[in-house]
Amino acid sequence: MDGMNARKVLSLVGIIAIAVVFALQFGPGSSGFGAATGPALPSAAAVVNGKEIPLRDFSRFYAGQLNSLRNRGVPIPESYARQSLPSQVMDQLVTRELLSQAAERHGIVPSDDELRKLIHENVDFHKDGQFNFEQYKRALRDYYRTTEPKYEEELRRQLAAQKMLQVVNSGAVVSDDEVRARFEKDANQAKVVFARFLPTMYAAQVPAPTPAQLEEFRKANAEQVSSYFETNRFMYQQAERAKARQILVKLAPDATAQQKADAKARAEAIRQEITGGKDFATVARERTEDPGTKASGGDLGWVERGSLEPTLAEAVFALAPNGVSEPIETKLGWHVVRVEEKQAASDKKLDEVAPEIATTLYKQQKAKDLAKVAAEKALASVKGGQTLQQLFPPEKDGQPALQRFETETRPEAVETGSFTAGGESVPYLGLAPALSTAAFAAPGPQVLDQVFPLNEGFVVAQVTERVKPTEETFTQKKDELREQTRRAKQIEMTESFLKALRETGTVVENNEAIQSIVGSS
């Protein structure tokens, strides 16, 4: 399966799994999708072609996935639990519903025997190791919280969805030519050692340009300077800013009117101390109830209007430098603010920043030139008999190759391991068509006779191993390759079918309701 796209393999496994997951997980606390006249949109996670997916289904599946990961000891970053996982669960539920509806349109109806077999295999309905009808009724009533007709109808829909996928996949017929083409790519393998030469590795060696050099570069690269300015214009725009300090008297969200009045009185007393001559920072260290700024004397640093609550922003930017505000109420409590400095908004023009941009581009170009010279020198050394491993050993022995590769500050030899001619990517480097083509054109281990430009840097590489397809290997692996090719085609057909279902259907997701469940988990 070397040549198969791993993401697509997982995609197919996931698609097949969701077709039957209802049958396996339609458990306590769920009552299925319900009829089209069921819960209103506020209680639905999504509406698929007019049919609602209840929030309880999303909640159950989301909790199940989360608990499964936790039980296996898998670390769960908050960003994954709050964003990626909910999106995946919602996608599975929508896909499952689209498949069920497609099966209905195609007249796909599972038989009673198929339904009965699945029910009888569910251990929730067993007693003494055997299916028991009374246990079945009790489980549906007490744990599944649904009725027999409703459970069986939804189970039938999910079996139909599975059959719909089987119909789609049954069209995956593979020819001998396709098997041969797959073999020619997958059995054609190479291993490479390479070293990268990046401009950032040589930037410190570039001296600042003289005025004459800078002017010459600026004139010769006027269009590039202008383009850089337009692309990075945000860097030269500055909103109005104020350097401020604050003292906060906190209030609970459910504070009474009397508590609010008492807090305001404390804030007013603090303001009077400051206007009476006390140092704002000293008072802030003693009196503020904001733990984030207490140690720094209430220092907020430079703030813009958009970074503050509207009422606070209005008061802060109305103050002159060294001005102290009256108590300002926000949802956090009462604030007393002192503005130390202010800066007006600015929008620099190209002429103002052109020398700065030209200097940056000049240094980048010179660093790139140095990187290319270093790569060419390395290539000459390798052609002379040295290896990249000898010339550029790892900076930190024992460190994983990927970790070294992402943090290297100088060229280092990196071994790719085997990769196939099935694509234009090279391990660690990503898309590198010229290098990949040269590697597979090599008859055996050899130095690749050129420096390869890649992104902003340059690469020197040696082929260390080549494996070519042979007729004997093809004969040995032909059946395996046919199955891999068929599965790959199934993936493409399934993805295409599901894409068409989504493009021709209407799916409305209730993101606000979904996030309310995610936030409480």
Protein backbone atom coordinates (compact mmCIF):
# COMPACT_ATOMS: atom_id res chain seq x y z
CA MET A 1 0.00 0.00 0.00
CA ASP A 2 3.12 2.24 -0.31
CA GLY A 3 1.69 4.21 -3.19
CA MET A 4 -1.71 4.89 -1.67
CA ASN A 5 -2.42 8.29 -0.27
CA ALA A 6 -2.62 7.73 3.50
CA ARG A 7 -5.19 10.47 4.00
CA LYS A 8 -7.49 8.90 1.42
CA VAL A 9 -7.14 5.46 2.99
CA LEU A 10 -8.21 6.87 6.34
CA SER A 11 -11.00 8.74 4.60
CA LEU A 12 -12.43 5.55 3.12
CA VAL A 13 -12.13 3.71 6.42
CA GLY A 14 -13.97 6.57 8.12
CA ILE A 15 -16.71 6.69 5.50
CA ILE A 16 -17.34 2.95 5.75
CA ALA A 17 -17.28 3.13 9.54
CA ILE A 18 -19.93 5.84 9.76
CA ALA A 19 -22.25 3.79 7.61
CA VAL A 20 -22.53 1.21 10.38
CA VAL A 21 -21.65 3.24 13.46
CA PHE A 22 -25.31 3.92 14.15
CA ALA A 23 -25.93 0.22 14.51
CA LEU A 24 -23.04 -0.13 16.93
CA GLN A 25 -23.49 3.05 18.96
CA PHE A 26 -27.21 3.75 18.85
CA GLY A 27 -27.29 3.42 22.60
CA PRO A 28 -28.56 4.92 25.82
CA GLY A 29 -29.74 8.50 25.67
CA SER A 30 -30.45 8.61 21.94
CA SER A 31 -33.65 8.34 20.03
CA GLY A 32 -32.35 8.50 16.48
CA PHE A 33 -32.77 11.28 13.96
CA GLY A 34 -36.51 11.60 14.36
CA ALA A 35 -39.00 12.47 11.66
CA ALA A 36 -38.84 15.55 9.47
CA THR A 37 -41.44 17.13 11.71
CA GLY A 38 -39.29 16.53 14.83
CA PRO A 39 -37.26 19.07 16.78
CA ALA A 40 -37.07 22.66 15.60
CA LEU A 41 -33.81 24.09 14.24
CA PRO A 42 -32.63 25.48 17.64
CA SER A 43 -32.51 21.90 18.93
CA ALA A 44 -30.87 20.54 15.76
CA ALA A 45 -27.15 20.25 15.12
CA ALA A 46 -27.82 20.49 11.39
CA VAL A 47 -30.56 20.26 8.78
CA VAL A 48 -29.74 18.05 5.79
CA ASN A 49 -32.10 18.50 2.84
CA GLY A 50 -34.86 19.44 5.27
CA LYS A 51 -34.20 16.59 7.71
CA GLU A 52 -32.85 17.53 11.12
CA ILE A 53 -29.96 15.90 12.96
CA PRO A 54 -30.79 16.44 16.65
CA LEU A 55 -28.27 18.02 18.96
CA ARG A 56 -28.51 14.95 21.19
CA ASP A 57 -26.98 12.86 18.39
CA PHE A 58 -24.09 15.30 18.01
CA SER A 59 -23.65 15.44 21.79
CA ARG A 60 -23.59 11.66 22.10
CA PHE A 61 -21.15 11.08 19.25
CA TYR A 62 -18.88 13.96 20.32
CA ALA A 63 -18.76 12.75 23.92
CA GLY A 64 -18.14 9.20 22.72
CA GLN A 65 -15.18 10.23 20.55
CA LEU A 66 -13.74 12.41 23.31
CA ASN A 67 -14.06 9.68 25.94
CA SER A 68 -12.56 7.09 23.60
CA LEU A 69 -9.46 9.24 23.12
CA ARG A 70 -9.17 9.91 26.84
CA ASN A 71 -9.57 6.23 27.73
CA ARG A 72 -6.72 5.37 25.37
CA GLY A 73 -4.52 7.98 27.01
CA VAL A 74 -4.28 10.08 23.86
CA PRO A 75 -3.23 13.71 24.59
CA ILE A 76 -6.05 16.02 23.46
CA PRO A 77 -5.03 19.63 22.73
CA GLU A 78 -7.81 22.08 23.53
CA SER A 79 -7.81 23.37 19.95
CA TYR A 80 -8.52 19.83 18.74
CA ALA A 81 -11.28 19.19 21.29
CA ARG A 82 -12.94 22.56 20.63
CA GLN A 83 -12.47 22.90 16.87
CA SER A 84 -11.16 19.91 14.89
CA LEU A 85 -13.05 17.12 16.67
CA PRO A 86 -16.49 18.84 16.58
CA SER A 87 -15.97 19.50 12.86
CA GLN A 88 -15.08 15.86 12.24
CA VAL A 89 -18.07 14.56 14.21
CA MET A 90 -20.43 16.93 12.41
CA ASP A 91 -19.01 15.88 9.06
CA GLN A 92 -19.59 12.21 9.93
CA LEU A 93 -23.19 12.82 10.97
CA VAL A 94 -23.98 14.85 7.87
CA THR A 95 -22.31 12.26 5.63
CA ARG A 96 -24.26 9.48 7.29
CA GLU A 97 -27.54 11.30 6.72
CA LEU A 98 -26.70 12.10 3.09
CA LEU A 99 -25.97 8.42 2.46
CA SER A 100 -29.22 7.34 4.11
CA GLN A 101 -31.20 9.74 1.93
CA ALA A 102 -29.33 8.62 -1.21
CA ALA A 103 -30.17 5.00 -0.39
CA GLU A 104 -33.86 5.89 -0.10
CA ARG A 105 -33.80 7.62 -3.49
CA HIS A 106 -32.19 4.56 -5.08
CA GLY A 107 -34.74 2.22 -3.55
CA ILE A 108 -32.18 0.42 -1.41
CA VAL A 109 -34.03 -1.36 1.43
CA PRO A 110 -32.29 -3.88 3.73
CA SER A 111 -34.16 -7.10 4.30
CA ASP A 112 -35.79 -8.08 7.57
CA ASP A 113 -33.25 -10.89 7.91
CA GLU A 114 -30.34 -8.41 7.70
CA LEU A 115 -31.97 -6.19 10.29
CA ARG A 116 -32.73 -9.12 12.57
CA LYS A 117 -29.15 -10.39 12.34
CA LEU A 118 -27.70 -7.04 13.40
CA ILE A 119 -30.11 -6.72 16.32
CA HIS A 120 -29.43 -10.27 17.48
CA GLU A 121 -25.67 -9.61 17.44
CA ASN A 122 -25.98 -6.62 19.79
CA VAL A 123 -24.88 -7.82 23.26
CA ASP A 124 -27.07 -5.18 24.89
CA PHE A 125 -30.00 -7.40 23.96
CA HIS A 126 -28.46 -10.65 25.23
CA LYS A 127 -29.29 -12.67 28.29
CA ASP A 128 -27.17 -15.66 29.23
CA GLY A 129 -25.20 -15.16 26.03
CA GLN A 130 -28.23 -15.27 23.71
CA PHE A 131 -30.59 -12.71 22.19
CA ASN A 132 -33.62 -12.29 24.44
CA PHE A 133 -36.70 -10.45 23.21
CA GLU A 134 -37.74 -9.26 26.67
CA GLN A 135 -34.24 -7.95 27.27
CA TYR A 136 -34.43 -6.20 23.87
CA LYS A 137 -37.62 -4.38 24.86
CA ARG A 138 -36.27 -3.45 28.29
CA ALA A 139 -33.00 -2.11 26.84
CA LEU A 140 -34.82 0.03 24.29
CA ARG A 141 -37.17 1.40 26.93
CA ASP A 142 -34.76 1.92 29.85
CA TYR A 143 -31.42 2.62 28.23
CA TYR A 144 -31.86 3.52 24.56
CA ARG A 145 -34.91 5.63 25.41
CA THR A 146 -36.72 4.83 22.20
CA THR A 147 -39.37 2.52 20.82
CA GLU A 148 -38.95 -0.68 18.83
CA PRO A 149 -40.41 0.76 15.58
CA LYS A 150 -38.27 3.90 15.79
CA TYR A 151 -35.08 2.04 16.62
CA GLU A 152 -35.60 -0.51 13.87
CA GLU A 153 -36.49 2.15 11.30
CA GLU A 154 -33.33 4.15 12.00
CA LEU A 155 -31.24 0.99 12.05
CA ARG A 156 -32.70 0.07 8.67
CA ARG A 157 -31.76 3.50 7.27
CA GLN A 158 -28.16 3.06 8.38
CA LEU A 159 -27.93 -0.39 6.86
CA ALA A 160 -29.29 1.13 3.66
CA ALA A 161 -26.52 3.76 3.81
CA GLN A 162 -23.93 1.00 4.07
CA LYS A 163 -25.48 -0.76 1.07
CA MET A 164 -25.41 2.55 -0.84
CA LEU A 165 -21.64 2.66 -0.35
CA GLN A 166 -21.35 -0.94 -1.47
CA VAL A 167 -23.20 -0.08 -4.67
CA VAL A 168 -20.86 2.86 -5.31
CA ASN A 169 -17.76 0.78 -4.61
CA SER A 170 -18.93 -2.13 -6.76
CA GLY A 171 -18.14 0.00 -9.81
CA ALA A 172 -14.43 -0.02 -9.00
CA VAL A 173 -13.14 -2.25 -11.80
CA VAL A 174 -9.38 -2.32 -12.38
CA SER A 175 -7.66 -3.10 -15.67
CA ASP A 176 -4.30 -4.84 -16.12
CA ASP A 177 -2.87 -1.59 -17.49
CA GLU A 178 -3.82 0.25 -14.31
CA VAL A 179 -2.17 -2.43 -12.19
CA ARG A 180 0.97 -2.22 -14.33
CA ALA A 181 1.06 1.59 -14.09
CA ARG A 182 0.74 1.44 -10.33
CA PHE A 183 3.57 -1.07 -10.13
CA GLU A 184 5.85 1.03 -12.32
CA LYS A 185 5.41 3.91 -9.87
CA ASP A 186 5.35 2.09 -6.53
CA ALA A 187 8.18 -0.35 -7.25
CA ASN A 188 10.42 2.42 -8.56
CA GLN A 189 12.08 3.60 -5.33
CA ALA A 190 14.96 5.75 -4.23
CA LYS A 191 16.76 6.87 -1.08
CA VAL A 192 18.43 10.26 -0.99
CA VAL A 193 20.67 12.24 1.34
CA PHE A 194 20.42 16.00 0.94
CA ALA A 195 21.51 19.25 2.56
CA ARG A 196 19.67 22.56 2.40
CA PHE A 197 21.32 25.95 2.02
CA LEU A 198 18.92 28.64 3.15
CA PRO A 199 19.42 32.42 2.97
CA THR A 200 18.60 32.68 6.68
CA MET A 201 21.72 30.61 7.43
CA TYR A 202 23.89 33.29 5.83
CA ALA A 203 22.03 36.50 6.71
CA ALA A 204 24.45 37.37 9.54
CA GLN A 205 27.34 37.37 7.06
CA VAL A 206 25.79 40.14 4.95
CA PRO A 207 27.14 43.61 5.83
CA ALA A 208 24.89 46.64 5.72
CA PRO A 209 24.92 48.25 2.27
CA THR A 210 26.72 51.54 1.73
CA PRO A 211 24.54 54.50 0.66
CA ALA A 212 25.80 54.10 -2.90
CA GLN A 213 25.04 50.35 -2.96
CA LEU A 214 21.59 50.93 -1.51
CA GLU A 215 20.73 53.63 -4.02
CA GLU A 216 21.92 51.48 -6.91
CA PHE A 217 19.91 48.49 -5.65
CA ARG A 218 16.82 50.63 -5.08
CA LYS A 219 16.88 52.01 -8.62
CA ALA A 220 17.45 48.60 -10.17
CA ASN A 221 14.68 47.00 -8.12
CA ALA A 222 12.09 49.78 -7.91
CA GLU A 223 9.24 47.49 -8.93
CA GLN A 224 10.21 44.89 -6.33
CA VAL A 225 10.39 47.56 -3.60
CA SER A 226 6.95 48.83 -4.55
CA SER A 227 5.49 45.31 -4.61
CA TYR A 228 6.95 44.54 -1.17
CA PHE A 229 5.40 47.72 0.19
CA GLU A 230 1.94 46.86 -1.15
CA THR A 231 2.10 43.27 0.11
CA ASN A 232 3.25 44.34 3.58
CA ARG A 233 1.42 47.63 3.81
CA PHE A 234 -0.06 46.73 7.19
CA MET A 235 3.44 46.92 8.65
CA TYR A 236 3.59 50.60 7.83
CA GLN A 237 0.18 51.52 9.16
CA GLN A 238 -0.23 52.35 12.83
CA ALA A 239 -3.56 53.00 14.53
CA GLU A 240 -3.88 55.65 17.24
CA ARG A 241 -2.23 54.31 20.40
CA ALA A 242 -2.03 55.23 24.06
CA LYS A 243 0.41 54.08 26.71
CA ALA A 244 -1.68 53.63 29.83
CA ARG A 245 -1.94 52.25 33.34
CA GLN A 246 -5.09 51.16 35.16
CA ILE A 247 -6.38 50.35 38.61
CA LEU A 248 -9.31 47.94 38.73
CA VAL A 249 -11.92 47.54 41.44
CA LYS A 250 -13.54 44.23 40.52
CA LEU A 251 -17.24 43.45 40.50
CA ALA A 252 -18.92 40.06 40.30
CA PRO A 253 -21.24 39.59 37.27
CA ASP A 254 -24.22 39.25 39.63
CA ALA A 255 -23.29 42.20 41.86
CA THR A 256 -26.18 44.06 43.49
CA ALA A 257 -26.81 47.77 43.07
CA GLN A 258 -25.35 48.40 46.52
CA GLN A 259 -22.20 46.43 45.71
CA LYS A 260 -21.79 48.41 42.50
CA ALA A 261 -22.15 51.68 44.41
CA ASP A 262 -19.60 50.59 47.03
CA ALA A 263 -17.11 49.57 44.34
CA LYS A 264 -17.54 52.89 42.55
CA ALA A 265 -16.97 54.75 45.82
CA ARG A 266 -13.69 52.84 46.33
CA ALA A 267 -12.61 53.70 42.80
CA GLU A 268 -13.40 57.37 43.35
CA ALA A 269 -11.38 57.36 46.58
CA ILE A 270 -8.42 55.83 44.75
CA ARG A 271 -8.66 58.51 42.07
CA GLN A 272 -8.63 61.22 44.72
CA GLU A 273 -5.43 59.77 46.22
CA ILE A 274 -3.76 59.97 42.82
CA THR A 275 -4.99 63.46 41.93
CA GLY A 276 -3.86 64.43 45.43
CA GLY A 277 -0.27 63.63 44.51
CA LYS A 278 0.30 59.90 45.03
CA ASP A 279 2.19 57.96 42.35
CA PHE A 280 -0.23 56.02 40.12
CA ALA A 281 2.04 52.96 39.75
CA THR A 282 2.62 52.74 43.50
CA VAL A 283 -1.11 52.91 44.26
CA ALA A 284 -1.81 50.36 41.54
CA ARG A 285 0.61 47.86 43.09
CA GLU A 286 -1.16 48.27 46.40
CA ARG A 287 -4.80 48.60 45.40
CA THR A 288 -5.58 47.18 41.96
CA GLU A 289 -7.53 43.94 41.82
CA ASP A 290 -6.24 43.04 38.36
CA PRO A 291 -3.70 40.21 38.92
CA GLY A 292 -2.34 40.58 35.40
CA THR A 293 -1.04 44.13 35.91
CA LYS A 294 -0.64 44.39 39.67
CA ALA A 295 3.10 43.62 39.77
CA SER A 296 3.82 46.15 36.98
CA GLY A 297 1.91 48.97 38.66
CA GLY A 298 -1.13 48.64 36.41
CA ASP A 299 0.92 48.94 33.20
CA LEU A 300 -1.19 48.16 30.11
CA GLY A 301 1.58 49.07 27.68
CA TRP A 302 0.63 50.54 24.32
CA VAL A 303 -3.04 49.90 23.57
CA GLU A 304 -5.26 50.56 20.55
CA ARG A 305 -8.98 51.28 20.55
CA GLY A 306 -9.85 47.84 19.24
CA SER A 307 -8.08 46.10 22.11
CA LEU A 308 -10.28 47.71 24.76
CA GLU A 309 -13.96 47.54 25.62
CA PRO A 310 -15.79 50.42 23.87
CA THR A 311 -16.58 52.35 27.07
CA LEU A 312 -13.02 51.99 28.29
CA ALA A 313 -11.55 52.89 24.90
CA GLU A 314 -13.71 56.03 24.65
CA ALA A 315 -12.53 57.25 28.04
CA VAL A 316 -8.87 56.38 27.51
CA PHE A 317 -8.56 58.09 24.14
CA ALA A 318 -10.39 61.16 25.39
CA LEU A 319 -7.64 61.77 27.96
CA ALA A 320 -4.64 63.98 27.32
CA PRO A 321 -1.18 62.67 28.26
CA ASN A 322 -0.79 62.49 32.07
CA GLY A 323 -4.59 62.70 32.46
CA VAL A 324 -6.40 60.48 34.99
CA SER A 325 -9.92 59.29 34.21
CA GLU A 326 -13.02 59.29 36.33
CA PRO A 327 -14.07 55.75 37.35
CA ILE A 328 -15.14 53.81 34.20
CA GLU A 329 -17.55 50.90 34.49
CA THR A 330 -17.11 47.72 32.41
CA LYS A 331 -18.25 44.14 32.92
CA LEU A 332 -15.12 43.60 35.03
CA GLY A 333 -15.79 46.42 37.46
CA TRP A 334 -14.61 50.02 37.86
CA HIS A 335 -11.41 51.25 36.21
CA VAL A 336 -9.30 54.29 36.96
CA VAL A 337 -6.91 54.94 34.06
CA ARG A 338 -3.90 57.18 33.55
CA VAL A 339 -2.62 57.91 30.04
CA GLU A 340 1.14 58.46 29.95
CA GLU A 341 1.74 58.95 26.23
CA LYS A 342 -0.28 59.07 23.02
CA GLN A 343 0.61 58.47 19.41
CA ALA A 344 -1.53 59.64 16.53
CA ALA A 345 -2.47 57.23 13.77
CA SER A 346 0.06 57.05 10.96
CA ASP A 347 0.08 55.68 7.43
CA LYS A 348 3.56 55.81 6.00
CA LYS A 349 4.02 56.39 2.29
CA LEU A 350 6.29 54.38 0.00
CA ASP A 351 8.85 57.17 -0.25
CA GLU A 352 9.22 57.21 3.55
CA VAL A 353 9.95 53.51 3.88
CA ALA A 354 11.59 52.73 0.52
CA PRO A 355 15.16 52.89 1.95
CA GLU A 356 14.16 50.49 4.74
CA ILE A 357 12.52 48.08 2.29
CA ALA A 358 15.45 48.31 -0.11
CA THR A 359 17.84 47.44 2.72
CA THR A 360 15.75 44.39 3.64
CA LEU A 361 15.58 43.17 0.05
CA TYR A 362 19.28 43.88 -0.51
CA LYS A 363 20.25 41.75 2.49
CA GLN A 364 17.85 38.99 1.45
CA GLN A 365 19.33 38.88 -2.05
CA LYS A 366 22.93 38.89 -0.80
CA ALA A 367 22.11 36.12 1.71
CA LYS A 368 20.54 34.10 -1.10
CA ASP A 369 23.65 34.63 -3.23
CA LEU A 370 25.82 33.37 -0.38
CA ALA A 371 23.56 30.33 0.07
CA LYS A 372 23.90 29.48 -3.62
CA VAL A 373 27.69 29.84 -3.54
CA ALA A 374 27.85 27.57 -0.47
CA ALA A 375 25.64 24.98 -2.21
CA GLU A 376 27.81 25.03 -5.34
CA LYS A 377 30.95 24.65 -3.21
CA ALA A 378 29.36 21.69 -1.38
CA LEU A 379 28.39 20.06 -4.69
CA ALA A 380 31.99 20.34 -5.92
CA SER A 381 33.25 18.70 -2.70
CA VAL A 382 30.77 15.85 -3.02
CA LYS A 383 31.75 15.31 -6.64
CA GLY A 384 35.34 15.18 -5.40
CA GLY A 385 34.59 12.14 -3.24
CA GLN A 386 33.30 13.48 0.07
CA THR A 387 29.82 12.67 1.35
CA LEU A 388 27.20 15.10 2.60
CA GLN A 389 27.27 13.28 5.95
CA GLN A 390 30.99 14.03 6.27
CA LEU A 391 30.62 17.64 5.20
CA PHE A 392 27.48 18.46 7.18
CA PRO A 393 27.05 16.17 10.20
CA PRO A 394 24.06 16.76 12.49
CA GLU A 395 24.45 19.72 14.83
CA LYS A 396 22.92 17.63 17.63
CA ASP A 397 23.62 13.90 17.62
CA GLY A 398 20.67 11.65 18.38
CA GLN A 399 18.06 14.27 17.62
CA PRO A 400 15.25 13.01 15.32
CA ALA A 401 15.77 14.00 11.70
CA LEU A 402 12.49 15.92 11.44
CA GLN A 403 13.23 17.93 14.58
CA ARG A 404 16.73 18.76 13.31
CA PHE A 405 15.35 19.65 9.91
CA GLU A 406 12.88 22.15 11.32
CA THR A 407 15.38 23.93 13.57
CA GLU A 408 18.65 23.76 11.64
CA THR A 409 20.76 26.91 11.63
CA ARG A 410 23.34 25.55 9.19
CA PRO A 411 23.31 22.92 6.44
CA GLU A 412 22.91 19.37 7.76
CA ALA A 413 22.77 16.05 5.95
CA VAL A 414 19.27 14.54 6.07
CA GLU A 415 18.42 11.00 4.95
CA THR A 416 15.00 10.59 3.35
CA GLY A 417 14.43 6.87 3.58
CA SER A 418 12.74 5.11 0.65
CA PHE A 419 10.18 7.00 -1.45
CA THR A 420 8.49 6.14 -4.71
CA ALA A 421 8.16 7.70 -8.13
CA GLY A 422 4.40 7.92 -7.67
CA GLY A 423 4.54 11.66 -7.02
CA GLU A 424 6.84 14.67 -7.19
CA SER A 425 7.41 14.99 -3.45
CA VAL A 426 10.60 14.19 -1.54
CA PRO A 427 10.42 13.35 2.18
CA TYR A 428 11.09 16.39 4.39
CA LEU A 429 11.29 18.70 1.35
CA GLY A 430 7.74 18.33 0.08
CA LEU A 431 7.04 19.13 -3.55
CA ALA A 432 10.39 19.04 -5.35
CA PRO A 433 9.69 17.90 -8.93
CA ALA A 434 13.14 18.64 -10.38
CA LEU A 435 14.96 16.80 -7.60
CA SER A 436 12.52 13.86 -7.70
CA THR A 437 12.87 13.54 -11.48
CA ALA A 438 16.67 13.59 -11.25
CA ALA A 439 16.70 11.01 -8.45
CA PHE A 440 14.60 8.55 -10.45
CA ALA A 441 16.61 9.17 -13.60
CA ALA A 442 19.71 7.98 -11.75
CA PRO A 443 20.56 4.33 -12.59
CA GLY A 444 22.00 3.78 -9.12
CA PRO A 445 23.70 5.55 -6.18
CA GLN A 446 25.32 8.77 -7.37
CA VAL A 447 25.70 12.48 -6.78
CA LEU A 448 22.96 14.50 -8.49
CA ASP A 449 24.86 16.78 -10.84
CA GLN A 450 23.23 20.12 -10.04
CA VAL A 451 22.15 22.50 -7.29
CA PHE A 452 18.37 22.44 -6.98
CA PRO A 453 16.59 25.76 -6.25
CA LEU A 454 13.78 25.05 -3.80
CA ASN A 455 11.55 27.72 -2.31
CA GLU A 456 13.98 30.45 -1.20
CA GLY A 457 16.97 28.14 -0.76
CA PHE A 458 19.07 25.52 -2.54
CA VAL A 459 19.52 21.77 -2.16
CA VAL A 460 22.43 19.44 -2.89
CA ALA A 461 21.59 15.73 -2.97
CA GLN A 462 23.08 12.25 -3.37
CA VAL A 463 21.12 9.16 -4.34
CA THR A 464 22.19 6.43 -1.92
CA GLU A 465 19.93 3.61 -3.12
CA ARG A 466 17.80 2.79 -6.18
CA VAL A 467 15.31 -0.04 -6.56
CA LYS A 468 13.82 -0.54 -10.02
CA PRO A 469 10.71 -2.46 -10.98
CA THR A 470 11.31 -5.94 -12.41
CA GLU A 471 9.02 -8.43 -14.07
CA GLU A 472 9.71 -10.96 -11.33
CA THR A 473 8.62 -8.50 -8.64
CA PHE A 474 5.53 -7.61 -10.65
CA THR A 475 4.51 -11.26 -10.88
CA GLN A 476 4.97 -11.68 -7.12
CA LYS A 477 2.96 -8.60 -6.19
CA LYS A 478 0.39 -8.49 -8.97
CA ASP A 479 -2.58 -9.67 -6.86
CA GLU A 480 -1.66 -7.35 -3.99
CA LEU A 481 -1.26 -4.44 -6.39
CA ARG A 482 -4.62 -5.16 -8.00
CA GLU A 483 -6.31 -4.99 -4.60
CA GLN A 484 -4.49 -1.77 -3.70
CA THR A 485 -5.46 -0.21 -7.02
CA ARG A 486 -9.07 -1.29 -6.56
CA ARG A 487 -9.17 0.21 -3.08
CA ALA A 488 -7.64 3.44 -4.35
CA LYS A 489 -10.30 3.63 -7.04
CA GLN A 490 -13.00 2.95 -4.44
CA ILE A 491 -11.71 5.88 -2.43
CA GLU A 492 -11.87 8.17 -5.46
CA MET A 493 -15.37 7.00 -6.39
CA THR A 494 -16.63 7.33 -2.82
CA GLU A 495 -15.17 10.80 -2.40
CA SER A 496 -16.62 11.88 -5.74
CA PHE A 497 -20.04 10.47 -4.80
CA LEU A 498 -20.07 12.19 -1.41
CA LYS A 499 -18.88 15.45 -2.95
CA ALA A 500 -21.78 15.31 -5.40
CA LEU A 501 -24.25 14.65 -2.57
CA ARG A 502 -23.02 17.72 -0.72
CA GLU A 503 -22.96 19.94 -3.81
CA THR A 504 -26.49 19.03 -4.87
CA GLY A 505 -27.91 19.00 -1.34
CA THR A 506 -28.57 21.65 1.27
CA VAL A 507 -26.79 21.40 4.61
CA VAL A 508 -27.32 24.04 7.31
CA GLU A 509 -25.26 23.60 10.47
CA ASN A 510 -26.20 25.15 13.80
CA ASN A 511 -22.71 26.22 14.87
CA GLU A 512 -23.87 28.21 17.87
CA ALA A 513 -25.69 25.21 19.36
CA ILE A 514 -22.76 22.91 18.55
CA GLN A 515 -20.33 25.21 20.35
CA SER A 516 -22.60 25.34 23.38
CA ILE A 517 -22.25 21.56 23.69
CA VAL A 518 -18.51 21.61 23.00
CA GLY A 519 -17.97 24.30 25.62
CA SER A 520 -19.74 22.31 28.31
CA SER A 521 -17.84 19.05 27.66
